[in-house]
Amino acid sequence: MLSLNLRPGEYMTIGGDVVVQLDRMSGDRCKLLIDAPRELTVLRGEVLERGGGQRPDCVLDAPRWHRREIPWDRSKAQALAAMRSLLARMDGRDGDVQALRRQLEHMFPSEAKQANQVSSG
Protein backbone atom coordinates (compact mmCIF):
# COMPACT_ATOMS: atom_id res chain seq x y z
CA MET A 1 0.00 0.00 0.00
CA LEU A 2 1.28 3.44 -0.92
CA SER A 3 1.57 5.83 2.05
CA LEU A 4 1.61 9.58 1.41
CA ASN A 5 1.87 12.53 3.77
CA LEU A 6 -0.17 15.52 2.64
CA ARG A 7 -0.50 19.02 4.02
CA PRO A 8 -3.77 20.93 3.80
CA GLY A 9 -4.26 22.06 0.21
CA GLU A 10 -2.05 19.33 -1.27
CA TYR A 11 -3.60 16.68 -3.48
CA MET A 12 -2.92 13.40 -5.23
CA THR A 13 -4.30 11.87 -8.39
CA ILE A 14 -5.38 8.29 -8.98
CA GLY A 15 -5.27 7.27 -12.61
CA GLY A 16 -6.21 10.25 -14.71
CA ASP A 17 -9.73 10.71 -13.41
CA VAL A 18 -9.61 10.82 -9.60
CA VAL A 19 -8.27 13.71 -7.52
CA VAL A 20 -8.06 13.52 -3.71
CA GLN A 21 -7.23 16.73 -1.85
CA LEU A 22 -6.61 17.25 1.86
CA ASP A 23 -8.84 20.19 2.79
CA ARG A 24 -8.12 20.54 6.50
CA MET A 25 -7.20 18.70 9.66
CA SER A 26 -8.69 19.05 13.13
CA GLY A 27 -7.45 16.93 16.01
CA ASP A 28 -7.40 13.32 14.85
CA ARG A 29 -9.68 13.94 11.83
CA CYS A 30 -9.11 15.26 8.35
CA LYS A 31 -11.46 16.42 5.61
CA LEU A 32 -10.79 15.01 2.15
CA LEU A 33 -12.19 16.37 -1.09
CA ILE A 34 -12.62 13.70 -3.77
CA ASP A 35 -13.36 14.39 -7.42
CA ALA A 36 -14.14 11.20 -9.32
CA PRO A 37 -16.30 10.19 -12.28
CA ARG A 38 -19.90 9.39 -11.31
CA GLU A 39 -19.48 5.81 -12.51
CA LEU A 40 -16.95 5.15 -9.75
CA THR A 41 -18.42 4.25 -6.37
CA VAL A 42 -16.78 6.06 -3.47
CA LEU A 43 -17.77 4.71 -0.04
CA ARG A 44 -16.54 5.19 3.50
CA GLY A 45 -15.24 1.91 4.88
CA GLU A 46 -17.91 1.77 7.59
CA VAL A 47 -20.66 2.12 4.95
CA LEU A 48 -19.11 -0.63 2.83
CA GLU A 49 -18.84 -3.01 5.80
CA ARG A 50 -22.31 -2.16 7.13
CA GLY A 51 -23.71 -3.11 3.71
CA GLY A 52 -22.00 -6.52 3.90
CA GLY A 53 -18.84 -5.62 2.01
CA GLN A 54 -15.50 -7.07 3.05
CA ARG A 55 -12.84 -4.91 4.68
CA PRO A 56 -9.88 -4.84 2.26
CA ASP A 57 -6.90 -6.83 3.53
CA CYS A 58 -4.57 -3.86 3.02
CA VAL A 59 -6.49 -1.62 5.49
CA LEU A 60 -4.67 -1.19 8.80
CA ASP A 61 -6.52 -0.92 12.10
CA ALA A 62 -6.41 2.67 13.29
CA PRO A 63 -4.54 3.02 16.58
CA ARG A 64 -6.31 4.70 19.44
CA TRP A 65 -4.84 8.12 20.18
CA HIS A 66 -2.79 8.36 23.31
CA ARG A 67 0.24 10.21 24.53
CA ARG A 68 2.79 7.83 23.02
CA GLU A 69 1.40 8.38 19.50
CA ILE A 70 2.01 12.12 19.54
CA PRO A 71 5.03 12.87 17.36
CA TRP A 72 7.45 13.11 20.27
CA ASP A 73 11.06 14.07 20.27
CA ARG A 74 13.70 15.10 22.77
CA SER A 75 13.00 18.84 22.47
CA LYS A 76 9.30 18.34 23.28
CA ALA A 77 10.18 16.20 26.29
CA GLN A 78 12.59 18.90 27.46
CA ALA A 79 9.94 21.61 26.99
CA LEU A 80 7.41 19.58 29.00
CA ALA A 81 9.95 19.06 31.80
CA ALA A 82 10.73 22.81 31.80
CA MET A 83 7.01 23.67 32.08
CA ARG A 84 6.61 21.28 35.01
CA SER A 85 9.66 22.81 36.70
CA LEU A 86 8.32 26.36 36.25
CA LEU A 87 4.95 25.31 37.66
CA ALA A 88 6.64 23.71 40.67
CA ARG A 89 8.42 27.00 41.43
CA MET A 90 5.15 28.92 41.05
CA ASP A 91 3.03 26.56 43.20
CA GLY A 92 0.99 28.21 45.92
CA ARG A 93 0.98 31.64 44.29
CA ASP A 94 -2.52 31.54 42.83
CA GLY A 95 -5.32 29.30 41.59
CA ASP A 96 -4.40 29.82 37.92
CA VAL A 97 -1.17 27.90 38.40
CA GLN A 98 -3.04 24.96 39.92
CA ALA A 99 -5.58 25.04 37.09
CA LEU A 100 -2.77 25.06 34.53
CA ARG A 101 -1.11 22.11 36.28
CA ARG A 102 -4.37 20.12 36.19
CA GLN A 103 -4.75 20.75 32.46
CA LEU A 104 -1.13 19.82 31.80
CA GLU A 105 -1.52 16.59 33.79
CA HIS A 106 -4.72 15.81 31.91
CA MET A 107 -3.01 16.19 28.54
CA PHE A 108 0.32 14.66 29.51
CA PRO A 109 0.00 12.47 32.61
CA SER A 110 3.22 12.15 34.55
CA GLU A 111 4.82 8.71 34.67
CA ALA A 112 3.68 8.20 38.30
CA LYS A 113 0.08 9.04 37.43
CA GLN A 114 0.15 6.68 34.43
CA ALA A 115 1.48 3.87 36.63
CA ASN A 116 -1.38 4.42 39.08
CA GLN A 117 -3.94 4.34 36.26
CA VAL A 118 -2.52 1.08 34.90
CA SER A 119 -2.48 -0.62 38.32
CA SER A 120 -6.04 0.49 39.17
CA GLY A 121 -7.43 -0.28 35.69
Foldseek 3Di string as FASTA:
>chain_A
DDDDDDDAPDWDADDPFKIKGFHADDDPDTDIDIGGDPVDDDDDPVVCVVVPHDDDPVDDDDDDDDDVPDPDDDVVVVVLVVLVVVLVVCPPVDPVSVVVVVVSCVRPPDPVVVVVVVVVD
